[in-house]
């Protein structure tokens, strides 16, 4: 423990002798710690925290894939067949990305949305706000 205390005092003496180096080192450490904290704060809710739904670990997405790994689009009939033959899942829902454009007196505006089946909200364990 005494050696650590001596090393600490030696480091402080060297930083007092070279204030330019000390300022640069402190600035770089501060920027690095700040950038790391900011990136982690943005990534943490996306990658590490569970989804805000009941039983989120049981929700999964399935799709058909081609030999090269790309997704193969399916029809609504495929969903109905899966729902009728389902013996493994509590609920099956379907969703399709949708980007409607709304126009009015101002510039048109594009929104991101999804077309969903009637069981979608039941699957997520939430109630729709409207409708």
N, C-alpha and C. Protein backbone atom coordinates (compact mmCIF):
# COMPACT_ATOMS: atom_id res chain seq x y z
N UNK A 1 0.83 -1.18 0.00
CA UNK A 1 0.00 0.00 0.00
C UNK A 1 0.88 1.25 0.00
N UNK A 2 2.01 1.18 0.70
CA UNK A 2 2.91 2.34 0.78
C UNK A 2 3.48 2.67 -0.62
N UNK A 3 3.73 1.67 -1.43
CA UNK A 3 4.26 1.91 -2.78
C UNK A 3 3.22 2.64 -3.62
N UNK A 4 1.93 2.29 -3.48
CA UNK A 4 0.88 2.98 -4.23
C UNK A 4 0.81 4.45 -3.84
N UNK A 5 0.93 4.73 -2.54
CA UNK A 5 0.89 6.11 -2.08
C UNK A 5 2.09 6.88 -2.65
N UNK A 6 3.26 6.26 -2.67
CA UNK A 6 4.44 6.92 -3.24
C UNK A 6 4.25 7.17 -4.74
N UNK A 7 3.71 6.21 -5.45
CA UNK A 7 3.45 6.39 -6.88
C UNK A 7 2.45 7.51 -7.12
N UNK A 8 1.43 7.59 -6.30
CA UNK A 8 0.42 8.65 -6.43
C UNK A 8 1.05 10.03 -6.23
N UNK A 9 1.88 10.16 -5.19
CA UNK A 9 2.55 11.44 -4.93
C UNK A 9 3.51 11.79 -6.07
N UNK A 10 4.20 10.79 -6.61
CA UNK A 10 5.11 11.03 -7.74
C UNK A 10 4.32 11.53 -8.96
N UNK A 11 3.18 10.92 -9.21
CA UNK A 11 2.33 11.35 -10.33
C UNK A 11 1.85 12.77 -10.15
N UNK A 12 1.46 13.14 -8.95
CA UNK A 12 1.02 14.52 -8.70
C UNK A 12 2.16 15.51 -8.90
N UNK A 13 3.36 15.16 -8.46
CA UNK A 13 4.52 16.05 -8.66
C UNK A 13 4.79 16.25 -10.14
N UNK A 14 4.70 15.16 -10.93
CA UNK A 14 4.96 15.28 -12.37
C UNK A 14 3.90 16.13 -13.06
N UNK A 15 2.65 16.01 -12.64
CA UNK A 15 1.60 16.82 -13.24
C UNK A 15 1.77 18.30 -12.89
N UNK A 16 2.25 18.61 -11.66
CA UNK A 16 2.52 20.00 -11.28
C UNK A 16 3.68 20.57 -12.07
N UNK A 17 4.67 19.74 -12.41
CA UNK A 17 5.82 20.20 -13.19
C UNK A 17 5.45 20.50 -14.64
N UNK A 18 4.50 19.72 -15.21
CA UNK A 18 4.09 19.86 -16.61
C UNK A 18 2.60 20.19 -16.69
N UNK A 19 2.20 21.44 -16.43
CA UNK A 19 0.77 21.76 -16.41
C UNK A 19 0.12 21.63 -17.80
N UNK A 20 0.86 21.85 -18.87
CA UNK A 20 0.30 21.70 -20.22
C UNK A 20 -0.11 20.26 -20.49
N UNK A 21 0.77 19.35 -20.14
CA UNK A 21 0.48 17.93 -20.31
C UNK A 21 -0.69 17.52 -19.42
N UNK A 22 -0.70 18.02 -18.17
CA UNK A 22 -1.78 17.68 -17.24
C UNK A 22 -3.12 18.17 -17.78
N UNK A 23 -3.17 19.40 -18.28
CA UNK A 23 -4.42 19.93 -18.84
C UNK A 23 -4.90 19.14 -20.04
N UNK A 24 -3.95 18.80 -20.93
CA UNK A 24 -4.31 18.01 -22.11
C UNK A 24 -4.83 16.63 -21.72
N UNK A 25 -4.13 15.99 -20.79
CA UNK A 25 -4.55 14.65 -20.35
C UNK A 25 -5.94 14.70 -19.70
N UNK A 26 -6.19 15.68 -18.86
CA UNK A 26 -7.49 15.80 -18.20
C UNK A 26 -8.59 16.10 -19.21
N UNK A 27 -8.30 16.96 -20.19
CA UNK A 27 -9.27 17.28 -21.23
C UNK A 27 -9.62 16.05 -22.07
N UNK A 28 -8.62 15.31 -22.49
CA UNK A 28 -8.85 14.11 -23.30
C UNK A 28 -9.63 13.06 -22.50
N UNK A 29 -9.26 12.85 -21.24
CA UNK A 29 -10.00 11.90 -20.40
C UNK A 29 -11.45 12.34 -20.23
N UNK A 30 -11.67 13.63 -20.00
CA UNK A 30 -13.03 14.14 -19.84
C UNK A 30 -13.86 13.95 -21.09
N UNK A 31 -13.29 14.26 -22.25
CA UNK A 31 -14.01 14.05 -23.51
C UNK A 31 -14.31 12.58 -23.76
N UNK A 32 -13.34 11.72 -23.48
CA UNK A 32 -13.55 10.28 -23.68
C UNK A 32 -14.63 9.73 -22.77
N UNK A 33 -14.60 10.10 -21.51
CA UNK A 33 -15.61 9.62 -20.56
C UNK A 33 -16.99 10.18 -20.93
N UNK A 34 -17.04 11.46 -21.30
CA UNK A 34 -18.32 12.07 -21.70
C UNK A 34 -18.91 11.42 -22.94
N UNK A 35 -18.07 11.18 -23.96
CA UNK A 35 -18.55 10.54 -25.20
C UNK A 35 -19.02 9.12 -24.92
N UNK A 36 -18.28 8.38 -24.11
CA UNK A 36 -18.67 7.01 -23.79
C UNK A 36 -20.00 6.99 -23.04
N UNK A 37 -20.18 7.89 -22.11
CA UNK A 37 -21.43 7.97 -21.36
C UNK A 37 -22.60 8.32 -22.27
N UNK A 38 -22.40 9.27 -23.17
CA UNK A 38 -23.47 9.67 -24.09
C UNK A 38 -23.86 8.52 -25.01
N UNK A 39 -22.89 7.83 -25.56
CA UNK A 39 -23.19 6.71 -26.46
C UNK A 39 -23.89 5.59 -25.71
N UNK A 40 -23.42 5.27 -24.51
CA UNK A 40 -24.07 4.21 -23.72
C UNK A 40 -25.50 4.60 -23.37
N UNK A 41 -25.74 5.88 -23.04
CA UNK A 41 -27.08 6.32 -22.70
C UNK A 41 -28.04 6.17 -23.87
N UNK A 42 -27.53 6.35 -25.10
CA UNK A 42 -28.38 6.20 -26.27
C UNK A 42 -28.58 4.73 -26.64
N UNK A 43 -27.58 3.90 -26.46
CA UNK A 43 -27.63 2.50 -26.89
C UNK A 43 -28.30 1.61 -25.84
N UNK A 44 -28.17 1.93 -24.58
CA UNK A 44 -28.68 1.08 -23.50
C UNK A 44 -30.16 0.75 -23.64
N UNK A 45 -31.06 1.74 -23.82
CA UNK A 45 -32.48 1.36 -23.91
C UNK A 45 -32.81 0.54 -25.16
N UNK A 46 -32.03 0.69 -26.22
CA UNK A 46 -32.31 -0.01 -27.46
C UNK A 46 -31.83 -1.46 -27.41
N UNK A 47 -30.62 -1.68 -26.93
CA UNK A 47 -30.02 -3.00 -27.01
C UNK A 47 -30.10 -3.83 -25.73
N UNK A 48 -30.10 -3.20 -24.58
CA UNK A 48 -29.95 -3.96 -23.34
C UNK A 48 -31.20 -4.05 -22.48
N UNK A 49 -32.05 -3.05 -22.51
CA UNK A 49 -33.24 -3.08 -21.66
C UNK A 49 -34.36 -3.84 -22.36
N UNK A 50 -35.19 -4.55 -21.59
CA UNK A 50 -36.27 -5.31 -22.23
C UNK A 50 -37.33 -4.38 -22.81
N UNK A 51 -38.12 -4.91 -23.75
CA UNK A 51 -39.22 -4.14 -24.32
C UNK A 51 -40.24 -3.83 -23.24
N UNK A 52 -40.95 -2.71 -23.36
CA UNK A 52 -41.90 -2.33 -22.31
C UNK A 52 -43.25 -3.02 -22.45
N UNK A 53 -43.24 -4.34 -22.66
CA UNK A 53 -44.46 -5.11 -22.78
C UNK A 53 -44.42 -6.25 -21.77
N UNK A 54 -45.59 -6.70 -21.33
CA UNK A 54 -45.59 -7.87 -20.45
C UNK A 54 -45.05 -9.09 -21.20
N UNK A 55 -44.23 -9.88 -20.55
CA UNK A 55 -43.64 -11.09 -21.13
C UNK A 55 -42.89 -10.78 -22.43
N UNK A 56 -42.12 -9.71 -22.44
CA UNK A 56 -41.41 -9.28 -23.65
C UNK A 56 -40.43 -10.33 -24.16
N UNK A 57 -39.91 -11.14 -23.28
CA UNK A 57 -38.94 -12.15 -23.71
C UNK A 57 -39.61 -13.27 -24.51
N UNK A 58 -40.94 -13.33 -24.48
CA UNK A 58 -41.66 -14.38 -25.20
C UNK A 58 -42.15 -13.91 -26.57
N UNK A 59 -41.95 -12.63 -26.91
CA UNK A 59 -42.38 -12.11 -28.21
C UNK A 59 -41.29 -12.39 -29.23
N UNK A 60 -41.70 -12.93 -30.38
CA UNK A 60 -40.73 -13.20 -31.44
C UNK A 60 -41.34 -12.86 -32.79
N UNK A 61 -40.45 -12.67 -33.77
CA UNK A 61 -40.88 -12.38 -35.12
C UNK A 61 -40.41 -13.52 -36.02
N UNK A 62 -41.31 -13.99 -36.86
CA UNK A 62 -40.93 -15.05 -37.79
C UNK A 62 -41.20 -14.57 -39.22
N UNK A 63 -40.41 -15.07 -40.16
CA UNK A 63 -40.61 -14.75 -41.57
C UNK A 63 -39.97 -15.84 -42.41
N UNK A 64 -40.38 -15.90 -43.65
CA UNK A 64 -39.79 -16.84 -44.59
C UNK A 64 -38.54 -16.21 -45.18
N UNK A 65 -37.51 -17.02 -45.36
CA UNK A 65 -36.25 -16.51 -45.90
C UNK A 65 -35.84 -17.30 -47.12
N UNK A 66 -35.25 -16.59 -48.08
CA UNK A 66 -34.72 -17.24 -49.28
C UNK A 66 -33.37 -17.88 -48.94
N UNK A 67 -32.80 -18.58 -49.90
CA UNK A 67 -31.51 -19.25 -49.68
C UNK A 67 -30.41 -18.25 -49.35
N UNK A 68 -30.51 -17.02 -49.88
CA UNK A 68 -29.48 -16.02 -49.60
C UNK A 68 -29.73 -15.26 -48.30
N UNK A 69 -30.80 -15.60 -47.58
CA UNK A 69 -31.08 -14.97 -46.30
C UNK A 69 -32.04 -13.79 -46.39
N UNK A 70 -32.41 -13.36 -47.58
CA UNK A 70 -33.33 -12.23 -47.72
C UNK A 70 -34.76 -12.69 -47.39
N UNK A 71 -35.55 -11.76 -46.91
CA UNK A 71 -36.93 -12.08 -46.54
C UNK A 71 -37.80 -12.23 -47.78
N UNK A 72 -38.71 -13.20 -47.72
CA UNK A 72 -39.66 -13.43 -48.80
C UNK A 72 -41.01 -12.86 -48.35
N UNK A 73 -41.57 -11.91 -49.08
CA UNK A 73 -42.87 -11.36 -48.68
C UNK A 73 -43.95 -12.43 -48.71
N UNK A 74 -44.87 -12.35 -47.75
CA UNK A 74 -45.95 -13.34 -47.65
C UNK A 74 -47.29 -12.62 -47.79
N UNK A 75 -48.31 -13.37 -48.12
CA UNK A 75 -49.65 -12.82 -48.25
C UNK A 75 -50.39 -12.92 -46.93
N UNK A 76 -51.51 -12.23 -46.85
CA UNK A 76 -52.34 -12.30 -45.65
C UNK A 76 -52.89 -13.72 -45.47
N UNK A 77 -53.09 -14.42 -46.56
CA UNK A 77 -53.57 -15.80 -46.48
C UNK A 77 -52.59 -16.69 -45.71
N UNK A 78 -51.30 -16.46 -45.89
CA UNK A 78 -50.29 -17.23 -45.15
C UNK A 78 -50.46 -17.02 -43.65
N UNK A 79 -50.69 -15.78 -43.25
CA UNK A 79 -50.93 -15.48 -41.83
C UNK A 79 -52.17 -16.23 -41.33
N UNK A 80 -53.24 -16.20 -42.10
CA UNK A 80 -54.47 -16.88 -41.67
C UNK A 80 -54.25 -18.38 -41.52
N UNK A 81 -53.49 -18.98 -42.43
CA UNK A 81 -53.18 -20.41 -42.33
C UNK A 81 -52.37 -20.70 -41.06
N UNK A 82 -51.36 -19.87 -40.80
CA UNK A 82 -50.55 -20.05 -39.59
C UNK A 82 -51.41 -19.91 -38.34
N UNK A 83 -52.30 -18.92 -38.32
CA UNK A 83 -53.15 -18.70 -37.15
C UNK A 83 -54.10 -19.88 -36.93
N UNK A 84 -54.63 -20.44 -38.01
CA UNK A 84 -55.55 -21.57 -37.88
C UNK A 84 -54.84 -22.84 -37.40
N UNK A 85 -53.61 -23.05 -37.85
CA UNK A 85 -52.87 -24.28 -37.52
C UNK A 85 -52.01 -24.13 -36.27
N UNK A 86 -52.03 -22.98 -35.66
CA UNK A 86 -51.16 -22.69 -34.53
C UNK A 86 -51.44 -23.62 -33.36
N UNK A 87 -50.39 -24.26 -32.86
CA UNK A 87 -50.47 -25.09 -31.66
C UNK A 87 -49.37 -24.71 -30.66
N UNK A 88 -48.46 -23.82 -31.08
CA UNK A 88 -47.29 -23.53 -30.25
C UNK A 88 -47.32 -22.15 -29.61
N UNK A 89 -47.99 -21.19 -30.21
CA UNK A 89 -47.95 -19.82 -29.72
C UNK A 89 -49.27 -19.43 -29.08
N UNK A 90 -49.22 -18.54 -28.09
CA UNK A 90 -50.44 -18.04 -27.46
C UNK A 90 -51.25 -17.22 -28.47
N UNK A 91 -50.56 -16.36 -29.21
CA UNK A 91 -51.19 -15.47 -30.17
C UNK A 91 -50.26 -15.29 -31.35
N UNK A 92 -50.84 -15.14 -32.53
CA UNK A 92 -50.06 -14.80 -33.72
C UNK A 92 -50.67 -13.53 -34.30
N UNK A 93 -49.83 -12.59 -34.64
CA UNK A 93 -50.29 -11.34 -35.26
C UNK A 93 -49.43 -11.07 -36.48
N UNK A 94 -49.92 -10.20 -37.32
CA UNK A 94 -49.18 -9.85 -38.53
C UNK A 94 -49.08 -8.33 -38.61
N UNK A 95 -47.98 -7.87 -39.15
CA UNK A 95 -47.80 -6.43 -39.35
C UNK A 95 -47.06 -6.21 -40.65
N UNK A 96 -47.35 -5.08 -41.27
CA UNK A 96 -46.70 -4.69 -42.53
C UNK A 96 -46.36 -3.22 -42.43
N UNK A 97 -45.11 -2.84 -42.70
CA UNK A 97 -44.76 -1.41 -42.67
C UNK A 97 -45.63 -0.61 -43.63
N UNK A 98 -45.94 0.62 -43.23
CA UNK A 98 -46.84 1.46 -44.02
C UNK A 98 -46.37 2.90 -43.89
N UNK A 99 -46.28 3.61 -44.98
CA UNK A 99 -45.85 5.01 -44.96
C UNK A 99 -46.88 5.88 -45.68
N UNK A 100 -47.94 6.26 -44.98
CA UNK A 100 -48.94 7.11 -45.63
C UNK A 100 -48.42 8.54 -45.76
N UNK A 101 -48.91 9.24 -46.78
CA UNK A 101 -48.59 10.65 -46.97
C UNK A 101 -49.88 11.44 -46.77
N UNK A 102 -49.83 12.43 -45.89
CA UNK A 102 -50.98 13.28 -45.64
C UNK A 102 -50.75 14.63 -46.29
N UNK A 103 -51.76 15.11 -46.97
CA UNK A 103 -51.65 16.41 -47.63
C UNK A 103 -52.70 17.33 -47.06
N UNK A 104 -52.43 18.59 -47.18
CA UNK A 104 -53.36 19.60 -46.70
C UNK A 104 -52.97 20.93 -47.33
N UNK A 105 -53.23 21.99 -46.61
CA UNK A 105 -52.88 23.32 -47.12
C UNK A 105 -51.37 23.51 -47.19
N UNK A 106 -50.64 22.86 -46.31
CA UNK A 106 -49.18 22.97 -46.29
C UNK A 106 -48.57 21.86 -47.13
N UNK A 107 -47.28 21.68 -46.97
CA UNK A 107 -46.54 20.64 -47.68
C UNK A 107 -47.04 19.26 -47.26
N UNK A 108 -47.02 18.29 -48.17
CA UNK A 108 -47.36 16.91 -47.77
C UNK A 108 -46.36 16.39 -46.75
N UNK A 109 -46.84 15.53 -45.88
CA UNK A 109 -45.97 14.98 -44.84
C UNK A 109 -46.11 13.46 -44.83
N UNK A 110 -44.98 12.75 -44.76
CA UNK A 110 -44.97 11.29 -44.75
C UNK A 110 -44.80 10.80 -43.31
N UNK A 111 -45.59 9.80 -42.94
CA UNK A 111 -45.55 9.22 -41.62
C UNK A 111 -45.13 7.76 -41.71
N UNK A 112 -44.55 7.25 -40.64
CA UNK A 112 -44.22 5.83 -40.56
C UNK A 112 -45.29 5.15 -39.73
N UNK A 113 -45.77 4.03 -40.20
CA UNK A 113 -46.79 3.30 -39.48
C UNK A 113 -46.73 1.83 -39.82
N UNK A 114 -47.73 1.10 -39.35
CA UNK A 114 -47.83 -0.33 -39.62
C UNK A 114 -49.29 -0.68 -39.84
N UNK A 115 -49.52 -1.56 -40.79
CA UNK A 115 -50.82 -2.20 -40.93
C UNK A 115 -50.75 -3.46 -40.09
N UNK A 116 -51.75 -3.66 -39.24
CA UNK A 116 -51.68 -4.76 -38.28
C UNK A 116 -52.96 -5.59 -38.28
N UNK A 117 -52.86 -6.79 -37.75
CA UNK A 117 -54.04 -7.65 -37.59
C UNK A 117 -54.73 -7.32 -36.28
N UNK A 118 -55.93 -7.87 -36.09
CA UNK A 118 -56.71 -7.57 -34.89
C UNK A 118 -56.07 -8.11 -33.61
N UNK A 119 -55.18 -9.08 -33.70
CA UNK A 119 -54.58 -9.67 -32.50
C UNK A 119 -53.26 -9.00 -32.11
N UNK A 120 -52.86 -7.98 -32.82
CA UNK A 120 -51.56 -7.34 -32.60
C UNK A 120 -51.44 -6.77 -31.18
N UNK A 121 -52.43 -5.99 -30.76
CA UNK A 121 -52.36 -5.38 -29.44
C UNK A 121 -52.51 -6.42 -28.33
N UNK A 122 -53.30 -7.44 -28.56
CA UNK A 122 -53.42 -8.53 -27.59
C UNK A 122 -52.08 -9.23 -27.42
N UNK A 123 -51.36 -9.43 -28.52
CA UNK A 123 -50.04 -10.06 -28.47
C UNK A 123 -49.07 -9.24 -27.63
N UNK A 124 -49.11 -7.91 -27.79
CA UNK A 124 -48.21 -7.04 -27.04
C UNK A 124 -48.68 -6.82 -25.60
N UNK A 125 -49.93 -7.14 -25.31
CA UNK A 125 -50.44 -6.97 -23.95
C UNK A 125 -50.76 -5.53 -23.62
N UNK A 126 -51.11 -4.75 -24.63
CA UNK A 126 -51.47 -3.34 -24.43
C UNK A 126 -52.81 -3.07 -25.09
N UNK A 127 -53.45 -1.98 -24.68
CA UNK A 127 -54.72 -1.57 -25.29
C UNK A 127 -54.45 -0.40 -26.23
N UNK A 128 -55.11 -0.35 -27.37
CA UNK A 128 -54.92 0.78 -28.28
C UNK A 128 -55.46 2.06 -27.66
N UNK A 129 -54.83 3.19 -27.98
CA UNK A 129 -55.29 4.48 -27.44
C UNK A 129 -56.62 4.88 -28.07
N UNK A 130 -56.79 4.62 -29.34
CA UNK A 130 -58.03 4.93 -30.06
C UNK A 130 -58.40 3.75 -30.92
N UNK A 131 -59.66 3.59 -31.21
CA UNK A 131 -60.07 2.58 -32.17
C UNK A 131 -60.36 1.24 -31.58
